PDB file of all heavy atoms in Angstrom:
ATOM      1  N   GLN A   1      85.034  61.926 110.134  1.00  0.00           N
ATOM      2  CA  GLN A   1      86.308  62.157 110.809  1.00  0.00           C
ATOM      3  C   GLN A   1      86.098  63.257 111.848  1.00  0.00           C
ATOM      4  O   GLN A   1      85.804  64.392 111.509  1.00  0.00           O
ATOM      5  CB  GLN A   1      87.375  62.584 109.789  1.00  0.00           C
ATOM      6  CG  GLN A   1      88.739  61.949 109.988  1.00  0.00           C
ATOM      7  CD  GLN A   1      89.506  62.529 111.174  1.00  0.00           C
ATOM      8  OE1 GLN A   1      89.022  63.418 111.840  1.00  0.00           O
ATOM      9  NE2 GLN A   1      90.676  62.008 111.430  1.00  0.00           N
ATOM     10  N   PRO A   2      86.245  62.947 113.152  1.00  0.00           N
ATOM     11  CA  PRO A   2      85.920  63.931 114.192  1.00  0.00           C
ATOM     12  C   PRO A   2      86.616  65.278 114.040  1.00  0.00           C
ATOM     13  O   PRO A   2      86.004  66.319 114.281  1.00  0.00           O
ATOM     14  CB  PRO A   2      86.339  63.219 115.477  1.00  0.00           C
ATOM     15  CG  PRO A   2      86.135  61.766 115.160  1.00  0.00           C
ATOM     16  CD  PRO A   2      86.556  61.618 113.724  1.00  0.00           C
ATOM     17  N   CYS A   3      87.886  65.297 113.647  1.00  0.00           N
ATOM     18  CA  CYS A   3      88.575  66.580 113.483  1.00  0.00           C
ATOM     19  C   CYS A   3      87.926  67.409 112.382  1.00  0.00           C
ATOM     20  O   CYS A   3      87.758  68.624 112.523  1.00  0.00           O
ATOM     21  CB  CYS A   3      90.056  66.349 113.171  1.00  0.00           C
ATOM     22  SG  CYS A   3      91.044  65.934 114.621  1.00  0.00           S
ATOM     23  N   ASP A   4      87.560  66.767 111.284  1.00  0.00           N
ATOM     24  CA  ASP A   4      86.909  67.481 110.188  1.00  0.00           C
ATOM     25  C   ASP A   4      85.522  67.977 110.592  1.00  0.00           C
ATOM     26  O   ASP A   4      85.103  69.080 110.217  1.00  0.00           O
ATOM     27  CB  ASP A   4      86.776  66.562 108.967  1.00  0.00           C
ATOM     28  CG  ASP A   4      88.065  66.476 108.167  1.00  0.00           C
ATOM     29  OD1 ASP A   4      89.064  67.078 108.601  1.00  0.00           O
ATOM     30  OD2 ASP A   4      88.080  65.806 107.127  1.00  0.00           O
ATOM     31  N   VAL A   5      84.806  67.181 111.352  1.00  0.00           N
ATOM     32  CA  VAL A   5      83.417  67.497 111.685  1.00  0.00           C
ATOM     33  C   VAL A   5      83.303  68.542 112.797  1.00  0.00           C
ATOM     34  O   VAL A   5      82.499  69.476 112.701  1.00  0.00           O
ATOM     35  CB  VAL A   5      82.656  66.216 112.086  1.00  0.00           C
ATOM     36  CG1 VAL A   5      81.259  66.543 112.626  1.00  0.00           C
ATOM     37  CG2 VAL A   5      82.554  65.265 110.904  1.00  0.00           C
ATOM     38  N   GLY A   6      84.105  68.399 113.858  1.00  0.00           N
ATOM     39  CA  GLY A   6      83.881  69.242 115.024  1.00  0.00           C
ATOM     40  C   GLY A   6      84.998  70.169 115.444  1.00  0.00           C
ATOM     41  O   GLY A   6      84.782  71.043 116.288  1.00  0.00           O
ATOM     42  N   LEU A   7      86.200  70.021 114.870  1.00  0.00           N
ATOM     43  CA  LEU A   7      87.337  70.785 115.367  1.00  0.00           C
ATOM     44  C   LEU A   7      87.914  71.780 114.370  1.00  0.00           C
ATOM     45  O   LEU A   7      88.208  72.924 114.720  1.00  0.00           O
ATOM     46  CB  LEU A   7      88.446  69.821 115.825  1.00  0.00           C
ATOM     47  CG  LEU A   7      89.699  70.469 116.413  1.00  0.00           C
ATOM     48  CD1 LEU A   7      89.374  71.227 117.698  1.00  0.00           C
ATOM     49  CD2 LEU A   7      90.774  69.417 116.680  1.00  0.00           C
ATOM     50  N   ASN A   8      88.092  71.376 113.132  1.00  0.00           N
ATOM     51  CA  ASN A   8      88.852  72.200 112.186  1.00  0.00           C
ATOM     52  C   ASN A   8      88.242  73.574 111.927  1.00  0.00           C
ATOM     53  O   ASN A   8      88.962  74.575 111.858  1.00  0.00           O
ATOM     54  CB  ASN A   8      89.020  71.454 110.858  1.00  0.00           C
ATOM     55  CG  ASN A   8      89.995  70.300 110.977  1.00  0.00           C
ATOM     56  OD1 ASN A   8      90.706  70.167 111.972  1.00  0.00           O
ATOM     57  ND2 ASN A   8      90.029  69.451 109.966  1.00  0.00           N
ATOM     58  N   LEU A   9      86.925  73.624 111.762  1.00  0.00           N
ATOM     59  CA  LEU A   9      86.289  74.912 111.463  1.00  0.00           C
ATOM     60  C   LEU A   9      86.411  75.897 112.614  1.00  0.00           C
ATOM     61  O   LEU A   9      86.851  77.040 112.408  1.00  0.00           O
ATOM     62  CB  LEU A   9      84.839  74.717 111.045  1.00  0.00           C
ATOM     63  CG  LEU A   9      84.107  75.994 110.610  1.00  0.00           C
ATOM     64  CD1 LEU A   9      84.834  76.670 109.451  1.00  0.00           C
ATOM     65  CD2 LEU A   9      82.660  75.684 110.234  1.00  0.00           C
ATOM     66  N   PRO A  10      86.025  75.526 113.852  1.00  0.00           N
ATOM     67  CA  PRO A  10      86.221  76.488 114.951  1.00  0.00           C
ATOM     68  C   PRO A  10      87.689  76.834 115.170  1.00  0.00           C
ATOM     69  O   PRO A  10      88.022  77.972 115.506  1.00  0.00           O
ATOM     70  CB  PRO A  10      85.628  75.770 116.175  1.00  0.00           C
ATOM     71  CG  PRO A  10      85.487  74.343 115.779  1.00  0.00           C
ATOM     72  CD  PRO A  10      85.309  74.313 114.312  1.00  0.00           C
ATOM     73  N   LEU A  11      88.574  75.875 114.942  1.00  0.00           N
ATOM     74  CA  LEU A  11      90.001  76.139 115.084  1.00  0.00           C
ATOM     75  C   LEU A  11      90.447  77.197 114.070  1.00  0.00           C
ATOM     76  O   LEU A  11      91.174  78.137 114.405  1.00  0.00           O
ATOM     77  CB  LEU A  11      90.784  74.846 114.874  1.00  0.00           C
ATOM     78  CG  LEU A  11      92.234  74.797 115.383  1.00  0.00           C
ATOM     79  CD1 LEU A  11      92.265  74.916 116.895  1.00  0.00           C
ATOM     80  CD2 LEU A  11      92.895  73.503 114.947  1.00  0.00           C
ATOM     81  N   LYS A  12      89.982  77.056 112.840  1.00  0.00           N
ATOM     82  CA  LYS A  12      90.329  78.016 111.796  1.00  0.00           C
ATOM     83  C   LYS A  12      89.785  79.400 112.123  1.00  0.00           C
ATOM     84  O   LYS A  12      90.492  80.408 111.988  1.00  0.00           O
ATOM     85  CB  LYS A  12      89.775  77.535 110.451  1.00  0.00           C
ATOM     86  CG  LYS A  12      90.025  78.487 109.297  1.00  0.00           C
ATOM     87  CD  LYS A  12      89.424  77.946 108.008  1.00  0.00           C
ATOM     88  CE  LYS A  12      89.628  78.918 106.846  1.00  0.00           C
ATOM     89  NZ  LYS A  12      89.048  78.395 105.587  1.00  0.00           N
ATOM     90  N   ASN A  13      88.539  79.471 112.558  1.00  0.00           N
ATOM     91  CA  ASN A  13      87.916  80.770 112.835  1.00  0.00           C
ATOM     92  C   ASN A  13      88.582  81.485 114.008  1.00  0.00           C
ATOM     93  O   ASN A  13      88.823  82.700 113.960  1.00  0.00           O
ATOM     94  CB  ASN A  13      86.428  80.587 113.111  1.00  0.00           C
ATOM     95  CG  ASN A  13      85.653  80.171 111.873  1.00  0.00           C
ATOM     96  OD1 ASN A  13      86.100  80.396 110.749  1.00  0.00           O
ATOM     97  ND2 ASN A  13      84.504  79.546 112.066  1.00  0.00           N
ATOM     98  N   VAL A  14      88.864  80.739 115.065  1.00  0.00           N
ATOM     99  CA  VAL A  14      89.512  81.351 116.226  1.00  0.00           C
ATOM    100  C   VAL A  14      90.937  81.784 115.875  1.00  0.00           C
ATOM    101  O   VAL A  14      91.388  82.858 116.277  1.00  0.00           O
ATOM    102  CB  VAL A  14      89.527  80.378 117.426  1.00  0.00           C
ATOM    103  CG1 VAL A  14      90.345  80.956 118.585  1.00  0.00           C
ATOM    104  CG2 VAL A  14      88.114  80.089 117.894  1.00  0.00           C
ATOM    105  N   PHE A  15      91.642  80.969 115.099  1.00  0.00           N
ATOM    106  CA  PHE A  15      93.002  81.311 114.707  1.00  0.00           C
ATOM    107  C   PHE A  15      93.035  82.615 113.902  1.00  0.00           C
ATOM    108  O   PHE A  15      93.898  83.473 114.120  1.00  0.00           O
ATOM    109  CB  PHE A  15      93.636  80.174 113.909  1.00  0.00           C
ATOM    110  CG  PHE A  15      95.043  80.459 113.449  1.00  0.00           C
ATOM    111  CD1 PHE A  15      96.083  80.523 114.367  1.00  0.00           C
ATOM    112  CD2 PHE A  15      95.327  80.672 112.113  1.00  0.00           C
ATOM    113  CE1 PHE A  15      97.378  80.800 113.959  1.00  0.00           C
ATOM    114  CE2 PHE A  15      96.616  80.949 111.689  1.00  0.00           C
ATOM    115  CZ  PHE A  15      97.650  81.010 112.612  1.00  0.00           C
ATOM    116  N   LYS A  16      92.106  82.771 112.980  1.00  0.00           N
ATOM    117  CA  LYS A  16      92.048  84.005 112.185  1.00  0.00           C
ATOM    118  C   LYS A  16      91.871  85.223 113.094  1.00  0.00           C
ATOM    119  O   LYS A  16      92.490  86.267 112.880  1.00  0.00           O
ATOM    120  CB  LYS A  16      90.908  83.924 111.174  1.00  0.00           C
ATOM    121  CG  LYS A  16      91.166  82.961 110.026  1.00  0.00           C
ATOM    122  CD  LYS A  16      89.946  82.776 109.144  1.00  0.00           C
ATOM    123  CE  LYS A  16      89.538  84.044 108.452  1.00  0.00           C
ATOM    124  NZ  LYS A  16      88.396  83.814 107.521  1.00  0.00           N
ATOM    125  N   ARG A  17      91.030  85.068 114.106  1.00  0.00           N
ATOM    126  CA  ARG A  17      90.811  86.176 115.038  1.00  0.00           C
ATOM    127  C   ARG A  17      92.061  86.463 115.860  1.00  0.00           C
ATOM    128  O   ARG A  17      92.417  87.633 116.088  1.00  0.00           O
ATOM    129  CB  ARG A  17      89.620  85.857 115.943  1.00  0.00           C
ATOM    130  CG  ARG A  17      89.382  86.874 117.039  1.00  0.00           C
ATOM    131  CD  ARG A  17      87.978  86.797 117.600  1.00  0.00           C
ATOM    132  NE  ARG A  17      87.563  85.440 117.908  1.00  0.00           N
ATOM    133  CZ  ARG A  17      87.903  84.789 119.022  1.00  0.00           C
ATOM    134  NH1 ARG A  17      88.672  85.380 119.923  1.00  0.00           N
ATOM    135  NH2 ARG A  17      87.454  83.568 119.245  1.00  0.00           N
ATOM    136  N   LYS A  18      92.748  85.408 116.304  1.00  0.00           N
ATOM    137  CA  LYS A  18      93.965  85.592 117.095  1.00  0.00           C
ATOM    138  C   LYS A  18      95.082  86.224 116.264  1.00  0.00           C
ATOM    139  O   LYS A  18      95.882  87.013 116.781  1.00  0.00           O
ATOM    140  CB  LYS A  18      94.438  84.245 117.653  1.00  0.00           C
ATOM    141  CG  LYS A  18      93.482  83.588 118.634  1.00  0.00           C
ATOM    142  CD  LYS A  18      93.290  84.410 119.890  1.00  0.00           C
ATOM    143  CE  LYS A  18      92.376  83.690 120.876  1.00  0.00           C
ATOM    144  NZ  LYS A  18      92.129  84.511 122.102  1.00  0.00           N
ATOM    145  N   VAL A  19      95.145  85.881 114.986  1.00  0.00           N
ATOM    146  CA  VAL A  19      96.148  86.492 114.106  1.00  0.00           C
ATOM    147  C   VAL A  19      95.882  87.991 113.976  1.00  0.00           C
ATOM    148  O   VAL A  19      96.801  88.811 114.047  1.00  0.00           O
ATOM    149  CB  VAL A  19      96.145  85.817 112.718  1.00  0.00           C
ATOM    150  CG1 VAL A  19      96.999  86.612 111.728  1.00  0.00           C
ATOM    151  CG2 VAL A  19      96.673  84.391 112.820  1.00  0.00           C
ATOM    152  N   THR A  20      94.618  88.346 113.787  1.00  0.00           N
ATOM    153  CA  THR A  20      94.257  89.766 113.697  1.00  0.00           C
ATOM    154  C   THR A  20      94.608  90.494 114.987  1.00  0.00           C
ATOM    155  O   THR A  20      95.170  91.596 114.964  1.00  0.00           O
ATOM    156  CB  THR A  20      92.750  89.921 113.402  1.00  0.00           C
ATOM    157  OG1 THR A  20      92.462  89.317 112.143  1.00  0.00           O
ATOM    158  CG2 THR A  20      92.362  91.394 113.350  1.00  0.00           C
ATOM    159  N   ASP A  21      94.302  89.875 116.127  1.00  0.00           N
ATOM    160  CA  ASP A  21      94.635  90.476 117.420  1.00  0.00           C
ATOM    161  C   ASP A  21      96.143  90.691 117.548  1.00  0.00           C
ATOM    162  O   ASP A  21      96.604  91.718 118.050  1.00  0.00           O
ATOM    163  CB  ASP A  21      94.144  89.588 118.568  1.00  0.00           C
ATOM    164  CG  ASP A  21      92.632  89.526 118.658  1.00  0.00           C
ATOM    165  OD1 ASP A  21      91.967  90.380 118.039  1.00  0.00           O
ATOM    166  OD2 ASP A  21      92.122  88.621 119.340  1.00  0.00           O
ATOM    167  N   PHE A  22      96.909  89.701 117.102  1.00  0.00           N
ATOM    168  CA  PHE A  22      98.376  89.797 117.182  1.00  0.00           C
ATOM    169  C   PHE A  22      98.885  90.968 116.346  1.00  0.00           C
ATOM    170  O   PHE A  22      99.735  91.750 116.792  1.00  0.00           O
ATOM    171  CB  PHE A  22      99.010  88.489 116.699  1.00  0.00           C
ATOM    172  CG  PHE A  22     100.518  88.522 116.640  1.00  0.00           C
ATOM    173  CD1 PHE A  22     101.267  88.194 117.752  1.00  0.00           C
ATOM    174  CD2 PHE A  22     101.177  88.896 115.476  1.00  0.00           C
ATOM    175  CE1 PHE A  22     102.660  88.238 117.717  1.00  0.00           C
ATOM    176  CE2 PHE A  22     102.568  88.944 115.425  1.00  0.00           C
ATOM    177  CZ  PHE A  22     103.309  88.613 116.551  1.00  0.00           C
ATOM    178  N   MET A  23      98.386  91.089 115.122  1.00  0.00           N
ATOM    179  CA  MET A  23      98.867  92.142 114.236  1.00  0.00           C
ATOM    180  C   MET A  23      98.480  93.527 114.741  1.00  0.00           C
ATOM    181  O   MET A  23      99.254  94.472 114.642  1.00  0.00           O
ATOM    182  CB  MET A  23      98.320  91.915 112.819  1.00  0.00           C
ATOM    183  CG  MET A  23      98.887  90.675 112.147  1.00  0.00           C
ATOM    184  SD  MET A  23      98.498  90.557 110.384  1.00  0.00           S
ATOM    185  CE  MET A  23      96.720  90.412 110.423  1.00  0.00           C
ATOM    186  N   VAL A  24      97.279  93.651 115.320  1.00  0.00           N
ATOM    187  CA  VAL A  24      96.837  94.934 115.858  1.00  0.00           C
ATOM    188  C   VAL A  24      97.672  95.312 117.080  1.00  0.00           C
ATOM    189  O   VAL A  24      98.037  96.473 117.281  1.00  0.00           O
ATOM    190  CB  VAL A  24      95.340  94.869 116.229  1.00  0.00           C
ATOM    191  CG1 VAL A  24      94.930  96.108 117.025  1.00  0.00           C
ATOM    192  CG2 VAL A  24      94.493  94.744 114.977  1.00  0.00           C
ATOM    193  N   THR A  25      97.992  94.321 117.906  1.00  0.00           N
ATOM    194  CA  THR A  25      98.738  94.568 119.138  1.00  0.00           C
ATOM    195  C   THR A  25     100.215  94.839 118.892  1.00  0.00           C
ATOM    196  O   THR A  25     100.819  95.713 119.521  1.00  0.00           O
ATOM    197  CB  THR A  25      98.595  93.369 120.099  1.00  0.00           C
ATOM    198  OG1 THR A  25      97.220  93.131 120.364  1.00  0.00           O
ATOM    199  CG2 THR A  25      99.332  93.624 121.410  1.00  0.00           C
ATOM    200  N   HIS A  26     100.825  94.096 117.951  1.00  0.00           N
ATOM    201  CA  HIS A  26     102.268  94.172 117.741  1.00  0.00           C
ATOM    202  C   HIS A  26     102.675  95.004 116.516  1.00  0.00           C
ATOM    203  O   HIS A  26     103.864  95.183 116.259  1.00  0.00           O
ATOM    204  CB  HIS A  26     102.846  92.756 117.601  1.00  0.00           C
ATOM    205  CG  HIS A  26     102.734  91.927 118.840  1.00  0.00           C
ATOM    206  ND1 HIS A  26     101.584  91.238 119.175  1.00  0.00           N
ATOM    207  CD2 HIS A  26     103.623  91.690 119.842  1.00  0.00           C
ATOM    208  CE1 HIS A  26     101.775  90.607 120.307  1.00  0.00           C
ATOM    209  NE2 HIS A  26     102.990  90.857 120.746  1.00  0.00           N
ATOM    210  N   TYR A  27     101.698  95.453 115.751  1.00  0.00           N
ATOM    211  CA  TYR A  27     101.973  96.264 114.563  1.00  0.00           C
ATOM    212  C   TYR A  27     102.939  95.559 113.603  1.00  0.00           C
ATOM    213  O   TYR A  27     103.820  96.182 113.015  1.00  0.00           O
ATOM    214  CB  TYR A  27     102.548  97.640 114.959  1.00  0.00           C
ATOM    215  CG  TYR A  27     101.643  98.425 115.863  1.00  0.00           C
ATOM    216  CD1 TYR A  27     101.896  98.479 117.235  1.00  0.00           C
ATOM    217  CD2 TYR A  27     100.525  99.092 115.360  1.00  0.00           C
ATOM    218  CE1 TYR A  27     101.049  99.188 118.079  1.00  0.00           C
ATOM    219  CE2 TYR A  27      99.680  99.805 116.197  1.00  0.00           C
ATOM    220  CZ  TYR A  27      99.946  99.841 117.557  1.00  0.00           C
ATOM    221  OH  TYR A  27      99.106 100.540 118.394  1.00  0.00           O
ATOM    222  N   GLN A  28     102.759  94.278 113.465  1.00  0.00           N
ATOM    223  CA  GLN A  28     103.592  93.503 112.549  1.00  0.00           C
ATOM    224  C   GLN A  28     102.837  92.242 112.145  1.00  0.00           C
ATOM    225  O   GLN A  28     101.951  91.782 112.865  1.00  0.00           O
ATOM    226  CB  GLN A  28     104.922  93.122 113.206  1.00  0.00           C
ATOM    227  CG  GLN A  28     104.773  92.179 114.406  1.00  0.00           C
ATOM    228  CD  GLN A  28     106.094  91.883 115.077  1.00  0.00           C
ATOM    229  OE1 GLN A  28     106.977  92.734 115.142  1.00  0.00           O
ATOM    230  NE2 GLN A  28     106.249  90.675 115.586  1.00  0.00           N
TER     231      GLN A  28
END
């Protein structure tokens, strides 16, 4: 399944980083 093979993992990793960036920037 292409999403499972090539998309989901990088999507998850980048999202985790963006969430951290959001919390550091907005203090919430």
